[in-house]
C-alpha atoms as a PDB file:
ATOM      1  CA  MET A   1    -109.208-134.235   3.659  1.00  0.00           C
ATOM      2  CA  GLN A   2    -107.735-135.511   6.944  1.00  0.00           C
ATOM      3  CA  PRO A   3    -108.968-138.739   8.497  1.00  0.00           C
ATOM      4  CA  ILE A   4    -110.858-138.377  11.779  1.00  0.00           C
ATOM      5  CA  PHE A   5    -108.347-140.454  13.710  1.00  0.00           C
ATOM      6  CA  SER A   6    -105.081-139.087  12.432  1.00  0.00           C
ATOM      7  CA  GLU A   7    -101.999-139.267  14.656  1.00  0.00           C
ATOM      8  CA  LYS A   8    -102.514-135.637  15.675  1.00  0.00           C
ATOM      9  CA  ASN A   9    -106.127-136.276  16.687  1.00  0.00           C
ATOM     10  CA  VAL A  10    -105.261-139.408  18.670  1.00  0.00           C
ATOM     11  CA  LEU A  11    -102.492-137.579  20.528  1.00  0.00           C
ATOM     12  CA  PHE A  12    -104.809-134.646  21.193  1.00  0.00           C
ATOM     13  CA  PHE A  13    -107.512-136.910  22.636  1.00  0.00           C
ATOM     14  CA  PHE A  14    -104.957-138.867  24.666  1.00  0.00           C
ATOM     15  CA  PHE A  15    -103.525-135.722  26.243  1.00  0.00           C
ATOM     16  CA  SER A  16    -106.985-134.197  26.729  1.00  0.00           C
ATOM     17  CA  ASP A  17    -108.057-137.280  28.676  1.00  0.00           C
ATOM     18  CA  MET A  18    -104.876-137.207  30.749  1.00  0.00           C
ATOM     19  CA  VAL A  19    -105.412-133.535  31.602  1.00  0.00           C
ATOM     20  CA  SER A  20    -109.037-134.096  32.592  1.00  0.00           C
ATOM     21  CA  LEU A  21    -108.051-137.054  34.769  1.00  0.00           C
ATOM     22  CA  PHE A  22    -105.349-134.939  36.393  1.00  0.00           C
ATOM     23  CA  PHE A  23    -107.799-132.187  37.287  1.00  0.00           C
ATOM     24  CA  MET A  24    -110.669-134.465  38.338  1.00  0.00           C
ATOM     25  CA  VAL A  25    -111.633-133.515  41.882  1.00  0.00           C
ATOM     26  CA  THR A  26    -114.208-135.230  44.041  1.00  0.00           C
ATOM     27  CA  ALA A  27    -116.526-133.689  46.603  1.00  0.00           C
ATOM     28  CA  CYS A  28    -115.202-133.320  50.115  1.00  0.00           C
ATOM     29  CA  PRO A  29    -116.283-136.129  52.462  1.00  0.00           C
ATOM     30  CA  VAL A  30    -116.377-133.633  55.366  1.00  0.00           C
ATOM     31  CA  ASN A  31    -119.372-131.315  55.480  1.00  0.00           C
ATOM     32  CA  PHE A  32    -117.780-127.940  56.226  1.00  0.00           C
ATOM     33  CA  GLU A  33    -121.005-126.050  55.553  1.00  0.00           C
ATOM     34  CA  PHE A  34    -122.509-126.546  58.988  1.00  0.00           C
ATOM     35  CA  MET A  35    -119.343-126.627  61.091  1.00  0.00           C
ATOM     36  CA  ASN A  36    -118.997-124.403  64.128  1.00  0.00           C
ATOM     37  CA  TYR A  37    -116.552-121.670  63.087  1.00  0.00           C
ATOM     38  CA  THR A  38    -116.665-119.788  66.394  1.00  0.00           C
ATOM     39  CA  ILE A  39    -113.315-121.308  67.363  1.00  0.00           C
ATOM     40  CA  ILE A  40    -111.837-119.118  64.610  1.00  0.00           C
ATOM     41  CA  THR A  41    -114.227-116.161  64.552  1.00  0.00           C
ATOM     42  CA  SER A  42    -114.064-115.628  68.318  1.00  0.00           C
ATOM     43  CA  GLN A  43    -110.256-115.492  68.401  1.00  0.00           C
ATOM     44  CA  CYS A  44    -109.265-114.106  65.011  1.00  0.00           C
ATOM     45  CA  LYS A  45    -110.783-110.649  64.828  1.00  0.00           C
ATOM     46  CA  GLY A  46    -110.049-107.617  62.693  1.00  0.00           C
ATOM     47  CA  PRO A  47    -108.999-105.096  61.895  1.00  0.00           C
ATOM     48  CA  LYS A  48    -105.528-106.258  63.003  1.00  0.00           C
ATOM     49  CA  PHE A  49    -106.094-110.050  62.859  1.00  0.00           C
ATOM     50  CA  PRO A  50    -103.351-110.957  65.377  1.00  0.00           C
ATOM     51  CA  PRO A  51    -101.247-113.760  63.848  1.00  0.00           C
ATOM     52  CA  LYS A  52    -100.765-115.743  67.070  1.00  0.00           C
ATOM     53  CA  GLU A  53    -104.486-115.914  67.836  1.00  0.00           C
ATOM     54  CA  CYS A  54    -105.551-116.404  64.216  1.00  0.00           C
ATOM     55  CA  CYS A  55    -103.078-119.202  63.518  1.00  0.00           C
ATOM     56  CA  SER A  56    -103.789-120.958  66.790  1.00  0.00           C
ATOM     57  CA  ALA A  57    -107.531-120.854  66.099  1.00  0.00           C
ATOM     58  CA  PHE A  58    -106.973-122.011  62.513  1.00  0.00           C
ATOM     59  CA  LEU A  59    -104.939-125.015  63.694  1.00  0.00           C
ATOM     60  CA  ASP A  60    -107.532-125.866  66.347  1.00  0.00           C
ATOM     61  CA  PHE A  61    -110.199-125.923  63.653  1.00  0.00           C
ATOM     62  CA  ALA A  62    -108.307-127.524  60.735  1.00  0.00           C
ATOM     63  CA  CYS A  63    -105.983-130.072  62.342  1.00  0.00           C
ATOM     64  CA  PRO A  64    -108.618-132.756  62.911  1.00  0.00           C
ATOM     65  CA  TYR A  65    -109.144-132.812  59.140  1.00  0.00           C
ATOM     66  CA  THR A  66    -105.534-132.875  57.886  1.00  0.00           C
ATOM     67  CA  GLU A  67    -105.971-136.141  56.017  1.00  0.00           C
ATOM     68  CA  GLU A  68    -108.921-134.794  54.058  1.00  0.00           C
ATOM     69  CA  LEU A  69    -107.453-131.297  53.604  1.00  0.00           C
ATOM     70  CA  ASN A  70    -104.166-132.629  52.235  1.00  0.00           C
ATOM     71  CA  ASP A  71    -105.884-134.979  49.780  1.00  0.00           C
ATOM     72  CA  LEU A  72    -105.579-133.325  46.375  1.00  0.00           C
ATOM     73  CA  SER A  73    -108.253-135.589  44.892  1.00  0.00           C
ATOM     74  CA  ASN A  74    -111.027-133.724  46.740  1.00  0.00           C
ATOM     75  CA  ASP A  75    -112.102-130.110  47.196  1.00  0.00           C
ATOM     76  CA  CYS A  76    -111.945-130.051  51.023  1.00  0.00           C
ATOM     77  CA  ALA A  77    -109.339-127.303  51.380  1.00  0.00           C
ATOM     78  CA  THR A  78    -111.103-125.007  48.929  1.00  0.00           C
ATOM     79  CA  THR A  79    -114.457-125.686  50.562  1.00  0.00           C
ATOM     80  CA  MET A  80    -113.143-125.138  54.086  1.00  0.00           C
ATOM     81  CA  PHE A  81    -111.476-121.831  53.205  1.00  0.00           C
ATOM     82  CA  SER A  82    -114.607-120.668  51.414  1.00  0.00           C
ATOM     83  CA  TYR A  83    -116.675-121.191  54.568  1.00  0.00           C
ATOM     84  CA  ILE A  84    -113.996-119.729  56.869  1.00  0.00           C
ATOM     85  CA  ASN A  85    -113.952-116.587  54.727  1.00  0.00           C
ATOM     86  CA  LEU A  86    -117.745-116.528  54.461  1.00  0.00           C
ATOM     87  CA  TYR A  87    -118.413-116.811  58.190  1.00  0.00           C
ATOM     88  CA  GLY A  88    -115.410-114.791  59.348  1.00  0.00           C
ATOM     89  CA  LYS A  89    -115.389-112.205  56.567  1.00  0.00           C
ATOM     90  CA  TYR A  90    -111.601-112.494  56.462  1.00  0.00           C
ATOM     91  CA  PRO A  91    -109.445-110.914  53.798  1.00  0.00           C
ATOM     92  CA  PRO A  92    -108.390-113.423  51.121  1.00  0.00           C
ATOM     93  CA  GLY A  93    -105.160-115.225  51.962  1.00  0.00           C
ATOM     94  CA  LEU A  94    -105.141-114.153  55.629  1.00  0.00           C
ATOM     95  CA  PHE A  95    -104.195-117.568  56.991  1.00  0.00           C
ATOM     96  CA  ALA A  96    -101.802-118.385  54.150  1.00  0.00           C
ATOM     97  CA  ASN A  97     -99.935-115.123  54.743  1.00  0.00           C
ATOM     98  CA  GLN A  98     -99.912-115.160  58.546  1.00  0.00           C
ATOM     99  CA  CYS A  99     -99.550-118.808  59.451  1.00  0.00           C
ATOM    100  CA  LYS A 100     -96.066-119.965  58.570  1.00  0.00           C
ATOM    101  CA  GLY A 101     -94.630-123.374  59.262  1.00  0.00           C
ATOM    102  CA  GLY A 102     -91.459-125.228  58.453  1.00  0.00           C
ATOM    103  CA  LYS A 103     -90.500-126.955  55.221  1.00  0.00           C
ATOM    104  CA  GLU A 104     -93.366-129.402  55.663  1.00  0.00           C
ATOM    105  CA  GLY A 105     -95.934-126.730  56.480  1.00  0.00           C
ATOM    106  CA  LEU A 106     -97.860-126.159  59.676  1.00  0.00           C
ATOM    107  CA  GLU A 107     -97.529-128.791  62.353  1.00  0.00           C
ATOM    108  CA  CYS A 108    -100.645-130.024  64.048  1.00  0.00           C
ATOM    109  CA  PRO A 109    -100.295-130.899  67.704  1.00  0.00           C
ATOM    110  CA  ALA A 110    -101.407-134.380  68.693  1.00  0.00           C
ATOM    111  CA  THR A 111    -104.787-134.261  70.404  1.00  0.00           C
ATOM    112  CA  SER A 112    -106.200-136.392  73.162  1.00  0.00           C
ATOM    113  CA  PRO A 113    -108.568-139.198  72.129  1.00  0.00           C
ATOM    114  CA  ALA A 114    -111.443-137.447  73.901  1.00  0.00           C
ATOM    115  CA  SER A 115    -111.096-134.202  71.960  1.00  0.00           C
ATOM    116  CA  ALA A 116    -110.641-136.106  68.702  1.00  0.00           C
ATOM    117  CA  ALA A 117    -113.862-137.994  69.381  1.00  0.00           C
ATOM    118  CA  ASP A 118    -115.687-134.719  69.858  1.00  0.00           C
ATOM    119  CA  VAL A 119    -114.818-133.608  66.353  1.00  0.00           C
ATOM    120  CA  ASN A 120    -114.963-136.886  64.473  1.00  0.00           C
ATOM    121  CA  ALA A 121    -113.931-140.249  65.885  1.00  0.00           C
ATOM    122  CA  ALA A 122    -112.858-141.551  62.495  1.00  0.00           C
ATOM    123  CA  ILE A 123    -110.244-138.871  61.817  1.00  0.00           C
ATOM    124  CA  ASN A 124    -106.587-139.360  62.712  1.00  0.00           C
ATOM    125  CA  THR A 125    -105.230-136.246  64.426  1.00  0.00           C
ATOM    126  CA  ALA A 126    -101.599-137.230  64.875  1.00  0.00           C
ATOM    127  CA  SER A 127     -98.990-134.626  63.937  1.00  0.00           C
ATOM    128  CA  SER A 128     -99.407-133.931  60.253  1.00  0.00           C
ATOM    129  CA  PRO A 129     -98.380-130.968  58.118  1.00  0.00           C
ATOM    130  CA  LEU A 130    -100.937-128.611  56.670  1.00  0.00           C
ATOM    131  CA  TRP A 131     -98.698-127.342  53.890  1.00  0.00           C
ATOM    132  CA  LEU A 132    -101.145-128.354  51.178  1.00  0.00           C
ATOM    133  CA  THR A 133    -103.926-126.522  52.952  1.00  0.00           C
ATOM    134  CA  ILE A 134    -101.898-123.347  53.177  1.00  0.00           C
ATOM    135  CA  PHE A 135    -100.856-123.753  49.549  1.00  0.00           C
ATOM    136  CA  THR A 136    -104.501-124.127  48.556  1.00  0.00           C
ATOM    137  CA  ALA A 137    -105.387-121.028  50.553  1.00  0.00           C
ATOM    138  CA  LEU A 138    -102.724-119.146  48.658  1.00  0.00           C
ATOM    139  CA  LEU A 139    -104.177-120.397  45.376  1.00  0.00           C
ATOM    140  CA  VAL A 140    -107.635-119.262  46.438  1.00  0.00           C
ATOM    141  CA  PHE A 141    -106.156-115.872  47.341  1.00  0.00           C
ATOM    142  CA  VAL A 142    -104.453-115.564  43.945  1.00  0.00           C
ATOM    143  CA  LYS A 143    -107.634-116.695  42.184  1.00  0.00           C
ATOM    144  CA  LEU A 144    -109.626-113.958  43.934  1.00  0.00           C
ATOM    145  CA  LEU A 145    -107.266-111.222  42.741  1.00  0.00           C
END
């Protein structure tokens, strides 16, 4: 009979706790459920989904939230893409496949203080890459397959 706390059991519990801490994700502090998605849905239309219009609209919508979207400790990117796809009825992975950036991802243009205040005065909109957002979109796309 093996003791309950053998070396194997202790190592198993240690690694199990580490894995669960690694995958612990908090709720998104931004409420994407009731956002106005017309900035995307009015410009990014099928069946062709023109990349220039779609990516421009995506950046206009997502850039004010880069800090939250790039934070891997929350589910903001997944939540945002779920609502974009729900309201726009877009094919999975549309933005990840069409919107390409440099090594650091998509660049967000700096916005004027007035337009930033319209979206959320507490969010920093300085140039910041959206590579994690696009990566998350790709993961959502792969998950849906």
